[in-house]
Amino acid sequence: MSVVIKADTNELYRKVLSIKETAADIHQQLLNISGLMSDLGKYWQGDAYERHKTSSKAIVEDMIPIVAMLETRPEQLFKMAGIYETVEDFNKREAASLDPNVIE
């Protein structure tokens, strides 16, 4: 009797880790953008700088809540992957304990 696993928990863990790492990278890049804008103010002054700074700040402010959500979701997805893993392990044990002729 072959056992078919419907959820690949290793793939779930890999994807969740990828999401978590990507969200952390985006967050860091947003902080870098904010830092660069502050540093540019030392060299670039005037209306053009102020408009660029305001525009960049608005983009960063819009993105921070989205990135924060992406940073919190992986914990929930890790829990979900753990549940899948527990259920699939149980299903494998149950399937292995059945008589091979049970379906006939």
PDB file of N, CA and C in Angstrom:
ATOM      1  N   MET A   1       0.845  -1.173   0.000  1.00  0.00           N
ATOM      2  CA  MET A   1       0.000   0.000   0.000  1.00  0.00           C
ATOM      3  C   MET A   1       0.892   1.238   0.000  1.00  0.00           C
ATOM      4  N   SER A   2       0.654   2.140  -0.921  1.00  0.00           N
ATOM      5  CA  SER A   2       1.454   3.364  -0.956  1.00  0.00           C
ATOM      6  C   SER A   2       0.731   4.466  -0.183  1.00  0.00           C
ATOM      7  N   VAL A   3       1.517   5.323   0.424  1.00  0.00           N
ATOM      8  CA  VAL A   3       0.970   6.425   1.199  1.00  0.00           C
ATOM      9  C   VAL A   3       1.147   7.704   0.388  1.00  0.00           C
ATOM     10  N   VAL A   4       0.053   8.414   0.169  1.00  0.00           N
ATOM     11  CA  VAL A   4       0.095   9.659  -0.584  1.00  0.00           C
ATOM     12  C   VAL A   4      -0.030  10.818   0.399  1.00  0.00           C
ATOM     13  N   ILE A   5       0.965  11.690   0.389  1.00  0.00           N
ATOM     14  CA  ILE A   5       0.927  12.863   1.247  1.00  0.00           C
ATOM     15  C   ILE A   5       0.401  14.024   0.421  1.00  0.00           C
ATOM     16  N   LYS A   6      -0.639  14.669   0.923  1.00  0.00           N
ATOM     17  CA  LYS A   6      -1.261  15.748   0.171  1.00  0.00           C
ATOM     18  C   LYS A   6      -0.582  17.098   0.400  1.00  0.00           C
ATOM     19  N   ALA A   7       0.037  17.285   1.550  1.00  0.00           N
ATOM     20  CA  ALA A   7       0.695  18.562   1.850  1.00  0.00           C
ATOM     21  C   ALA A   7       2.187  18.322   2.048  1.00  0.00           C
ATOM     22  N   ASP A   8       2.999  19.011   1.268  1.00  0.00           N
ATOM     23  CA  ASP A   8       4.449  18.910   1.419  1.00  0.00           C
ATOM     24  C   ASP A   8       4.875  19.947   2.455  1.00  0.00           C
ATOM     25  N   THR A   9       4.999  19.499   3.707  1.00  0.00           N
ATOM     26  CA  THR A   9       5.294  20.441   4.791  1.00  0.00           C
ATOM     27  C   THR A   9       6.671  21.071   4.641  1.00  0.00           C
ATOM     28  N   ASN A  10       7.620  20.339   4.092  1.00  0.00           N
ATOM     29  CA  ASN A  10       8.946  20.934   3.878  1.00  0.00           C
ATOM     30  C   ASN A  10       8.860  22.115   2.919  1.00  0.00           C
ATOM     31  N   GLU A  11       8.036  21.971   1.890  1.00  0.00           N
ATOM     32  CA  GLU A  11       7.850  23.070   0.938  1.00  0.00           C
ATOM     33  C   GLU A  11       7.160  24.255   1.623  1.00  0.00           C
ATOM     34  N   LEU A  12       6.187  23.963   2.478  1.00  0.00           N
ATOM     35  CA  LEU A  12       5.532  25.038   3.227  1.00  0.00           C
ATOM     36  C   LEU A  12       6.539  25.799   4.086  1.00  0.00           C
ATOM     37  N   TYR A  13       7.379  25.051   4.804  1.00  0.00           N
ATOM     38  CA  TYR A  13       8.391  25.694   5.647  1.00  0.00           C
ATOM     39  C   TYR A  13       9.348  26.546   4.806  1.00  0.00           C
ATOM     40  N   ARG A  14       9.762  26.031   3.654  1.00  0.00           N
ATOM     41  CA  ARG A  14      10.673  26.787   2.788  1.00  0.00           C
ATOM     42  C   ARG A  14      10.025  28.087   2.299  1.00  0.00           C
ATOM     43  N   LYS A  15       8.780  27.988   1.876  1.00  0.00           N
ATOM     44  CA  LYS A  15       8.080  29.174   1.371  1.00  0.00           C
ATOM     45  C   LYS A  15       7.887  30.208   2.474  1.00  0.00           C
ATOM     46  N   VAL A  16       7.503  29.743   3.664  1.00  0.00           N
ATOM     47  CA  VAL A  16       7.290  30.661   4.781  1.00  0.00           C
ATOM     48  C   VAL A  16       8.596  31.355   5.155  1.00  0.00           C
ATOM     49  N   LEU A  17       9.674  30.597   5.199  1.00  0.00           N
ATOM     50  CA  LEU A  17      10.978  31.184   5.514  1.00  0.00           C
ATOM     51  C   LEU A  17      11.370  32.213   4.453  1.00  0.00           C
ATOM     52  N   SER A  18      11.075  31.907   3.200  1.00  0.00           N
ATOM     53  CA  SER A  18      11.364  32.841   2.112  1.00  0.00           C
ATOM     54  C   SER A  18      10.567  34.136   2.280  1.00  0.00           C
ATOM     55  N   ILE A  19       9.293  34.016   2.634  1.00  0.00           N
ATOM     56  CA  ILE A  19       8.453  35.198   2.858  1.00  0.00           C
ATOM     57  C   ILE A  19       9.017  36.031   4.005  1.00  0.00           C
ATOM     58  N   LYS A  20       9.387  35.343   5.079  1.00  0.00           N
ATOM     59  CA  LYS A  20       9.913  36.044   6.257  1.00  0.00           C
ATOM     60  C   LYS A  20      11.206  36.790   5.920  1.00  0.00           C
ATOM     61  N   GLU A  21      12.101  36.131   5.205  1.00  0.00           N
ATOM     62  CA  GLU A  21      13.369  36.762   4.827  1.00  0.00           C
ATOM     63  C   GLU A  21      13.147  37.931   3.864  1.00  0.00           C
ATOM     64  N   THR A  22      12.242  37.759   2.924  1.00  0.00           N
ATOM     65  CA  THR A  22      11.954  38.822   1.959  1.00  0.00           C
ATOM     66  C   THR A  22      11.350  40.036   2.658  1.00  0.00           C
ATOM     67  N   ALA A  23      10.415  39.798   3.575  1.00  0.00           N
ATOM     68  CA  ALA A  23       9.798  40.906   4.309  1.00  0.00           C
ATOM     69  C   ALA A  23      10.841  41.657   5.130  1.00  0.00           C
ATOM     70  N   ALA A  24      11.738  40.927   5.781  1.00  0.00           N
ATOM     71  CA  ALA A  24      12.795  41.571   6.569  1.00  0.00           C
ATOM     72  C   ALA A  24      13.717  42.389   5.664  1.00  0.00           C
ATOM     73  N   ASP A  25      14.010  41.859   4.479  1.00  0.00           N
ATOM     74  CA  ASP A  25      14.859  42.580   3.528  1.00  0.00           C
ATOM     75  C   ASP A  25      14.175  43.861   3.047  1.00  0.00           C
ATOM     76  N   ILE A  26      12.893  43.766   2.735  1.00  0.00           N
ATOM     77  CA  ILE A  26      12.149  44.952   2.290  1.00  0.00           C
ATOM     78  C   ILE A  26      12.133  46.000   3.397  1.00  0.00           C
ATOM     79  N   HIS A  27      11.893  45.552   4.628  1.00  0.00           N
ATOM     80  CA  HIS A  27      11.878  46.479   5.760  1.00  0.00           C
ATOM     81  C   HIS A  27      13.223  47.207   5.870  1.00  0.00           C
ATOM     82  N   GLN A  28      14.297  46.451   5.764  1.00  0.00           N
ATOM     83  CA  GLN A  28      15.631  47.059   5.844  1.00  0.00           C
ATOM     84  C   GLN A  28      15.861  48.040   4.700  1.00  0.00           C
ATOM     85  N   GLN A  29      15.408  47.687   3.509  1.00  0.00           N
ATOM     86  CA  GLN A  29      15.572  48.585   2.359  1.00  0.00           C
ATOM     87  C   GLN A  29      14.781  49.882   2.551  1.00  0.00           C
ATOM     88  N   LEU A  30      13.589  49.772   3.142  1.00  0.00           N
ATOM     89  CA  LEU A  30      12.805  50.978   3.418  1.00  0.00           C
ATOM     90  C   LEU A  30      13.524  51.878   4.422  1.00  0.00           C
ATOM     91  N   LEU A  31      14.118  51.263   5.437  1.00  0.00           N
ATOM     92  CA  LEU A  31      14.905  52.043   6.400  1.00  0.00           C
ATOM     93  C   LEU A  31      16.103  52.697   5.714  1.00  0.00           C
ATOM     94  N   ASN A  32      16.723  51.954   4.797  1.00  0.00           N
ATOM     95  CA  ASN A  32      17.856  52.509   4.038  1.00  0.00           C
ATOM     96  C   ASN A  32      17.430  53.712   3.199  1.00  0.00           C
ATOM     97  N   ILE A  33      16.259  53.610   2.581  1.00  0.00           N
ATOM     98  CA  ILE A  33      15.745  54.725   1.775  1.00  0.00           C
ATOM     99  C   ILE A  33      15.542  55.952   2.654  1.00  0.00           C
ATOM    100  N   SER A  34      14.945  55.741   3.825  1.00  0.00           N
ATOM    101  CA  SER A  34      14.730  56.865   4.747  1.00  0.00           C
ATOM    102  C   SER A  34      16.054  57.493   5.156  1.00  0.00           C
ATOM    103  N   GLY A  35      17.038  56.657   5.440  1.00  0.00           N
ATOM    104  CA  GLY A  35      18.363  57.162   5.810  1.00  0.00           C
ATOM    105  C   GLY A  35      19.021  57.931   4.681  1.00  0.00           C
ATOM    106  N   LEU A  36      18.896  57.405   3.473  1.00  0.00           N
ATOM    107  CA  LEU A  36      19.464  58.097   2.307  1.00  0.00           C
ATOM    108  C   LEU A  36      18.826  59.464   2.109  1.00  0.00           C
ATOM    109  N   MET A  37      17.511  59.520   2.284  1.00  0.00           N
ATOM    110  CA  MET A  37      16.825  60.801   2.112  1.00  0.00           C
ATOM    111  C   MET A  37      17.317  61.818   3.135  1.00  0.00           C
ATOM    112  N   SER A  38      17.528  61.364   4.360  1.00  0.00           N
ATOM    113  CA  SER A  38      18.064  62.274   5.382  1.00  0.00           C
ATOM    114  C   SER A  38      19.465  62.738   5.002  1.00  0.00           C
ATOM    115  N   ASP A  39      20.284  61.803   4.544  1.00  0.00           N
ATOM    116  CA  ASP A  39      21.656  62.147   4.147  1.00  0.00           C
ATOM    117  C   ASP A  39      21.687  63.096   2.947  1.00  0.00           C
ATOM    118  N   LEU A  40      20.756  62.905   2.013  1.00  0.00           N
ATOM    119  CA  LEU A  40      20.721  63.786   0.834  1.00  0.00           C
ATOM    120  C   LEU A  40      20.471  65.237   1.223  1.00  0.00           C
ATOM    121  N   GLY A  41      19.752  65.421   2.326  1.00  0.00           N
ATOM    122  CA  GLY A  41      19.456  66.776   2.778  1.00  0.00           C
ATOM    123  C   GLY A  41      20.703  67.565   3.140  1.00  0.00           C
ATOM    124  N   LYS A  42      21.800  66.862   3.387  1.00  0.00           N
ATOM    125  CA  LYS A  42      23.062  67.542   3.704  1.00  0.00           C
ATOM    126  C   LYS A  42      23.679  68.175   2.454  1.00  0.00           C
ATOM    127  N   TYR A  43      23.352  67.615   1.288  1.00  0.00           N
ATOM    128  CA  TYR A  43      23.977  68.050   0.034  1.00  0.00           C
ATOM    129  C   TYR A  43      22.997  68.711  -0.930  1.00  0.00           C
ATOM    130  N   TRP A  44      21.769  68.249  -0.884  1.00  0.00           N
ATOM    131  CA  TRP A  44      20.766  68.684  -1.849  1.00  0.00           C
ATOM    132  C   TRP A  44      19.711  69.475  -1.096  1.00  0.00           C
ATOM    133  N   GLN A  45      19.517  70.709  -1.453  1.00  0.00           N
ATOM    134  CA  GLN A  45      18.551  71.539  -0.745  1.00  0.00           C
ATOM    135  C   GLN A  45      17.655  72.246  -1.747  1.00  0.00           C
ATOM    136  N   GLY A  46      16.528  72.700  -1.264  1.00  0.00           N
ATOM    137  CA  GLY A  46      15.616  73.428  -2.129  1.00  0.00           C
ATOM    138  C   GLY A  46      14.316  72.677  -2.350  1.00  0.00           C
ATOM    139  N   ASP A  47      13.505  73.245  -3.242  1.00  0.00           N
ATOM    140  CA  ASP A  47      12.178  72.689  -3.499  1.00  0.00           C
ATOM    141  C   ASP A  47      12.228  71.273  -4.062  1.00  0.00           C
ATOM    142  N   ALA A  48      13.155  71.020  -4.968  1.00  0.00           N
ATOM    143  CA  ALA A  48      13.241  69.681  -5.577  1.00  0.00           C
ATOM    144  C   ALA A  48      13.522  68.628  -4.508  1.00  0.00           C
ATOM    145  N   TYR A  49      14.450  68.933  -3.611  1.00  0.00           N
ATOM    146  CA  TYR A  49      14.756  67.985  -2.531  1.00  0.00           C
ATOM    147  C   TYR A  49      13.541  67.783  -1.635  1.00  0.00           C
ATOM    148  N   GLU A  50      12.875  68.859  -1.271  1.00  0.00           N
ATOM    149  CA  GLU A  50      11.711  68.759  -0.383  1.00  0.00           C
ATOM    150  C   GLU A  50      10.606  67.915  -1.016  1.00  0.00           C
ATOM    151  N   ARG A  51      10.372  68.108  -2.303  1.00  0.00           N
ATOM    152  CA  ARG A  51       9.346  67.312  -2.996  1.00  0.00           C
ATOM    153  C   ARG A  51       9.744  65.841  -3.060  1.00  0.00           C
ATOM    154  N   HIS A  52      10.998  65.609  -3.370  1.00  0.00           N
ATOM    155  CA  HIS A  52      11.482  64.232  -3.443  1.00  0.00           C
ATOM    156  C   HIS A  52      11.414  63.572  -2.065  1.00  0.00           C
ATOM    157  N   LYS A  53      11.808  64.298  -1.037  1.00  0.00           N
ATOM    158  CA  LYS A  53      11.774  63.777   0.331  1.00  0.00           C
ATOM    159  C   LYS A  53      10.335  63.464   0.750  1.00  0.00           C
ATOM    160  N   THR A  54       9.413  64.368   0.449  1.00  0.00           N
ATOM    161  CA  THR A  54       8.006  64.171   0.798  1.00  0.00           C
ATOM    162  C   THR A  54       7.434  62.955   0.074  1.00  0.00           C
ATOM    163  N   SER A  55       7.759  62.839  -1.204  1.00  0.00           N
ATOM    164  CA  SER A  55       7.279  61.705  -1.997  1.00  0.00           C
ATOM    165  C   SER A  55       7.838  60.387  -1.466  1.00  0.00           C
ATOM    166  N   SER A  56       9.125  60.350  -1.200  1.00  0.00           N
ATOM    167  CA  SER A  56       9.761  59.130  -0.685  1.00  0.00           C
ATOM    168  C   SER A  56       9.210  58.763   0.680  1.00  0.00           C
ATOM    169  N   LYS A  57       9.021  59.774   1.522  1.00  0.00           N
ATOM    170  CA  LYS A  57       8.483  59.532   2.865  1.00  0.00           C
ATOM    171  C   LYS A  57       7.080  58.937   2.779  1.00  0.00           C
ATOM    172  N   ALA A  58       6.257  59.449   1.873  1.00  0.00           N
ATOM    173  CA  ALA A  58       4.894  58.936   1.709  1.00  0.00           C
ATOM    174  C   ALA A  58       4.907  57.476   1.265  1.00  0.00           C
ATOM    175  N   ILE A  59       5.800  57.146   0.348  1.00  0.00           N
ATOM    176  CA  ILE A  59       5.904  55.758  -0.123  1.00  0.00           C
ATOM    177  C   ILE A  59       6.318  54.846   1.020  1.00  0.00           C
ATOM    178  N   VAL A  60       7.329  55.258   1.774  1.00  0.00           N
ATOM    179  CA  VAL A  60       7.803  54.447   2.903  1.00  0.00           C
ATOM    180  C   VAL A  60       6.687  54.287   3.935  1.00  0.00           C
ATOM    181  N   GLU A  61       5.986  55.368   4.247  1.00  0.00           N
ATOM    182  CA  GLU A  61       4.897  55.302   5.226  1.00  0.00           C
ATOM    183  C   GLU A  61       3.763  54.394   4.756  1.00  0.00           C
ATOM    184  N   ASP A  62       3.502  54.367   3.463  1.00  0.00           N
ATOM    185  CA  ASP A  62       2.473  53.472   2.922  1.00  0.00           C
ATOM    186  C   ASP A  62       2.909  52.010   2.996  1.00  0.00           C
ATOM    187  N   MET A  63       4.188  51.776   2.801  1.00  0.00           N
ATOM    188  CA  MET A  63       4.681  50.399   2.722  1.00  0.00           C
ATOM    189  C   MET A  63       4.936  49.766   4.086  1.00  0.00           C
ATOM    190  N   ILE A  64       5.259  50.569   5.097  1.00  0.00           N
ATOM    191  CA  ILE A  64       5.602  50.015   6.409  1.00  0.00           C
ATOM    192  C   ILE A  64       4.497  49.106   6.966  1.00  0.00           C
ATOM    193  N   PRO A  65       3.214  49.504   6.947  1.00  0.00           N
ATOM    194  CA  PRO A  65       2.183  48.592   7.479  1.00  0.00           C
ATOM    195  C   PRO A  65       2.073  47.289   6.677  1.00  0.00           C
ATOM    196  N   ILE A  66       2.280  47.372   5.385  1.00  0.00           N
ATOM    197  CA  ILE A  66       2.222  46.170   4.547  1.00  0.00           C
ATOM    198  C   ILE A  66       3.359  45.229   4.904  1.00  0.00           C
ATOM    199  N   VAL A  67       4.544  45.780   5.040  1.00  0.00           N
ATOM    200  CA  VAL A  67       5.709  44.966   5.392  1.00  0.00           C
ATOM    201  C   VAL A  67       5.544  44.396   6.800  1.00  0.00           C
ATOM    202  N   ALA A  68       5.008  45.194   7.714  1.00  0.00           N
ATOM    203  CA  ALA A  68       4.780  44.713   9.082  1.00  0.00           C
ATOM    204  C   ALA A  68       3.828  43.521   9.074  1.00  0.00           C
ATOM    205  N   MET A  69       2.790  43.590   8.232  1.00  0.00           N
ATOM    206  CA  MET A  69       1.865  42.468   8.117  1.00  0.00           C
ATOM    207  C   MET A  69       2.590  41.233   7.575  1.00  0.00           C
ATOM    208  N   LEU A  70       3.423  41.429   6.563  1.00  0.00           N
ATOM    209  CA  LEU A  70       4.178  40.308   6.001  1.00  0.00           C
ATOM    210  C   LEU A  70       5.155  39.723   7.013  1.00  0.00           C
ATOM    211  N   GLU A  71       5.644  40.548   7.914  1.00  0.00           N
ATOM    212  CA  GLU A  71       6.576  40.059   8.928  1.00  0.00           C
ATOM    213  C   GLU A  71       5.866  39.265  10.018  1.00  0.00           C
ATOM    214  N   THR A  72       4.584  39.545  10.263  1.00  0.00           N
ATOM    215  CA  THR A  72       3.855  38.808  11.304  1.00  0.00           C
ATOM    216  C   THR A  72       3.201  37.540  10.766  1.00  0.00           C
ATOM    217  N   ARG A  73       2.851  37.499   9.522  1.00  0.00           N
ATOM    218  CA  ARG A  73       2.162  36.339   8.960  1.00  0.00           C
ATOM    219  C   ARG A  73       2.981  35.048   8.977  1.00  0.00           C
ATOM    220  N   PRO A  74       4.284  35.090   8.775  1.00  0.00           N
ATOM    221  CA  PRO A  74       5.030  33.828   8.767  1.00  0.00           C
ATOM    222  C   PRO A  74       4.863  32.992  10.035  1.00  0.00           C
ATOM    223  N   GLU A  75       4.707  33.627  11.187  1.00  0.00           N
ATOM    224  CA  GLU A  75       4.504  32.854  12.416  1.00  0.00           C
ATOM    225  C   GLU A  75       3.220  32.036  12.316  1.00  0.00           C
ATOM    226  N   GLN A  76       2.169  32.644  11.784  1.00  0.00           N
ATOM    227  CA  GLN A  76       0.910  31.925  11.602  1.00  0.00           C
ATOM    228  C   GLN A  76       1.069  30.814  10.565  1.00  0.00           C
ATOM    229  N   LEU A  77       1.831  31.093   9.514  1.00  0.00           N
ATOM    230  CA  LEU A  77       2.045  30.082   8.481  1.00  0.00           C
ATOM    231  C   LEU A  77       2.914  28.936   8.990  1.00  0.00           C
ATOM    232  N   PHE A  78       3.890  29.235   9.865  1.00  0.00           N
ATOM    233  CA  PHE A  78       4.687  28.169  10.486  1.00  0.00           C
ATOM    234  C   PHE A  78       3.783  27.264  11.324  1.00  0.00           C
ATOM    235  N   LYS A  79       2.853  27.870  12.062  1.00  0.00           N
ATOM    236  CA  LYS A  79       1.913  27.075  12.868  1.00  0.00           C
ATOM    237  C   LYS A  79       1.059  26.194  11.957  1.00  0.00           C
ATOM    238  N   MET A  80       0.603  26.770  10.844  1.00  0.00           N
ATOM    239  CA  MET A  80      -0.214  26.012   9.901  1.00  0.00           C
ATOM    240  C   MET A  80       0.579  24.843   9.326  1.00  0.00           C
ATOM    241  N   ALA A  81       1.829  25.083   8.975  1.00  0.00           N
ATOM    242  CA  ALA A  81       2.672  24.010   8.446  1.00  0.00           C
ATOM    243  C   ALA A  81       2.862  22.925   9.496  1.00  0.00           C
ATOM    244  N   GLY A  82       3.008  23.320  10.758  1.00  0.00           N
ATOM    245  CA  GLY A  82       3.134  22.348  11.846  1.00  0.00           C
ATOM    246  C   GLY A  82       1.885  21.502  11.987  1.00  0.00           C
ATOM    247  N   ILE A  83       0.728  22.118  11.825  1.00  0.00           N
ATOM    248  CA  ILE A  83      -0.535  21.373  11.894  1.00  0.00           C
ATOM    249  C   ILE A  83      -0.615  20.383  10.736  1.00  0.00           C
ATOM    250  N   TYR A  84      -0.277  20.835   9.527  1.00  0.00           N
ATOM    251  CA  TYR A  84      -0.259  19.927   8.375  1.00  0.00           C
ATOM    252  C   TYR A  84       0.671  18.748   8.639  1.00  0.00           C
ATOM    253  N   GLU A  85       1.841  19.049   9.186  1.00  0.00           N
ATOM    254  CA  GLU A  85       2.826  18.004   9.445  1.00  0.00           C
ATOM    255  C   GLU A  85       2.283  16.983  10.444  1.00  0.00           C
ATOM    256  N   THR A  86       1.655  17.461  11.512  1.00  0.00           N
ATOM    257  CA  THR A  86       1.077  16.572  12.518  1.00  0.00           C
ATOM    258  C   THR A  86      -0.008  15.691  11.903  1.00  0.00           C
ATOM    259  N   VAL A  87      -0.880  16.297  11.120  1.00  0.00           N
ATOM    260  CA  VAL A  87      -1.980  15.546  10.498  1.00  0.00           C
ATOM    261  C   VAL A  87      -1.445  14.529   9.498  1.00  0.00           C
ATOM    262  N   GLU A  88      -0.476  14.932   8.683  1.00  0.00           N
ATOM    263  CA  GLU A  88       0.078  14.004   7.697  1.00  0.00           C
ATOM    264  C   GLU A  88       0.806  12.847   8.377  1.00  0.00           C
ATOM    265  N   ASP A  89       1.528  13.124   9.465  1.00  0.00           N
ATOM    266  CA  ASP A  89       2.185  12.040  10.211  1.00  0.00           C
ATOM    267  C   ASP A  89       1.149  11.072  10.768  1.00  0.00           C
ATOM    268  N   PHE A  90       0.066  11.609  11.311  1.00  0.00           N
ATOM    269  CA  PHE A  90      -1.012  10.767  11.830  1.00  0.00           C
ATOM    270  C   PHE A  90      -1.609   9.922  10.707  1.00  0.00           C
ATOM    271  N   ASN A  91      -1.878  10.560   9.564  1.00  0.00           N
ATOM    272  CA  ASN A  91      -2.462   9.830   8.430  1.00  0.00           C
ATOM    273  C   ASN A  91      -1.541   8.713   7.949  1.00  0.00           C
ATOM    274  N   LYS A  92      -0.237   8.972   7.920  1.00  0.00           N
ATOM    275  CA  LYS A  92       0.712   7.930   7.500  1.00  0.00           C
ATOM    276  C   LYS A  92       0.695   6.757   8.472  1.00  0.00           C
ATOM    277  N   ARG A  93       0.690   7.065   9.771  1.00  0.00           N
ATOM    278  CA  ARG A  93       0.659   5.986  10.771  1.00  0.00           C
ATOM    279  C   ARG A  93      -0.626   5.173  10.658  1.00  0.00           C
ATOM    280  N   GLU A  94      -1.742   5.866  10.494  1.00  0.00           N
ATOM    281  CA  GLU A  94      -3.025   5.171  10.371  1.00  0.00           C
ATOM    282  C   GLU A  94      -3.064   4.316   9.105  1.00  0.00           C
ATOM    283  N   ALA A  95      -2.594   4.863   8.001  1.00  0.00           N
ATOM    284  CA  ALA A  95      -2.588   4.113   6.741  1.00  0.00           C
ATOM    285  C   ALA A  95      -1.687   2.894   6.847  1.00  0.00           C
ATOM    286  N   ALA A  96      -0.555   3.037   7.520  1.00  0.00           N
ATOM    287  CA  ALA A  96       0.379   1.914   7.664  1.00  0.00           C
ATOM    288  C   ALA A  96      -0.198   0.811   8.542  1.00  0.00           C
ATOM    289  N   SER A  97      -1.092   1.178   9.457  1.00  0.00           N
ATOM    290  CA  SER A  97      -1.655   0.174  10.365  1.00  0.00           C
ATOM    291  C   SER A  97      -2.818  -0.598   9.746  1.00  0.00           C
ATOM    292  N   LEU A  98      -3.319  -0.140   8.612  1.00  0.00           N
ATOM    293  CA  LEU A  98      -4.453  -0.816   7.968  1.00  0.00           C
ATOM    294  C   LEU A  98      -4.010  -2.087   7.257  1.00  0.00           C
ATOM    295  N   ASP A  99      -4.924  -3.021   7.187  1.00  0.00           N
ATOM    296  CA  ASP A  99      -4.693  -4.247   6.426  1.00  0.00           C
ATOM    297  C   ASP A  99      -4.553  -3.859   4.953  1.00  0.00           C
ATOM    298  N   PRO A 100      -3.553  -4.391   4.247  1.00  0.00           N
ATOM    299  CA  PRO A 100      -3.359  -4.037   2.832  1.00  0.00           C
ATOM    300  C   PRO A 100      -4.589  -4.324   1.962  1.00  0.00           C
ATOM    301  N   ASN A 101      -5.442  -5.238   2.383  1.00  0.00           N
ATOM    302  CA  ASN A 101      -6.621  -5.606   1.592  1.00  0.00           C
ATOM    303  C   ASN A 101      -7.862  -4.819   1.992  1.00  0.00           C
ATOM    304  N   VAL A 102      -7.727  -3.797   2.776  1.00  0.00           N
ATOM    305  CA  VAL A 102      -8.884  -3.072   3.288  1.00  0.00           C
ATOM    306  C   VAL A 102      -9.726  -2.441   2.179  1.00  0.00           C
ATOM    307  N   ILE A 103      -9.124  -2.070   1.077  1.00  0.00           N
ATOM    308  CA  ILE A 103      -9.861  -1.415  -0.008  1.00  0.00           C
ATOM    309  C   ILE A 103     -10.542  -2.426  -0.922  1.00  0.00           C
ATOM    310  N   GLU A 104     -10.058  -3.634  -0.962  1.00  0.00           N
ATOM    311  CA  GLU A 104     -10.617  -4.629  -1.890  1.00  0.00           C
ATOM    312  C   GLU A 104     -12.005  -4.993  -1.581  1.00  0.00           C
TER     313      GLU A 104
END
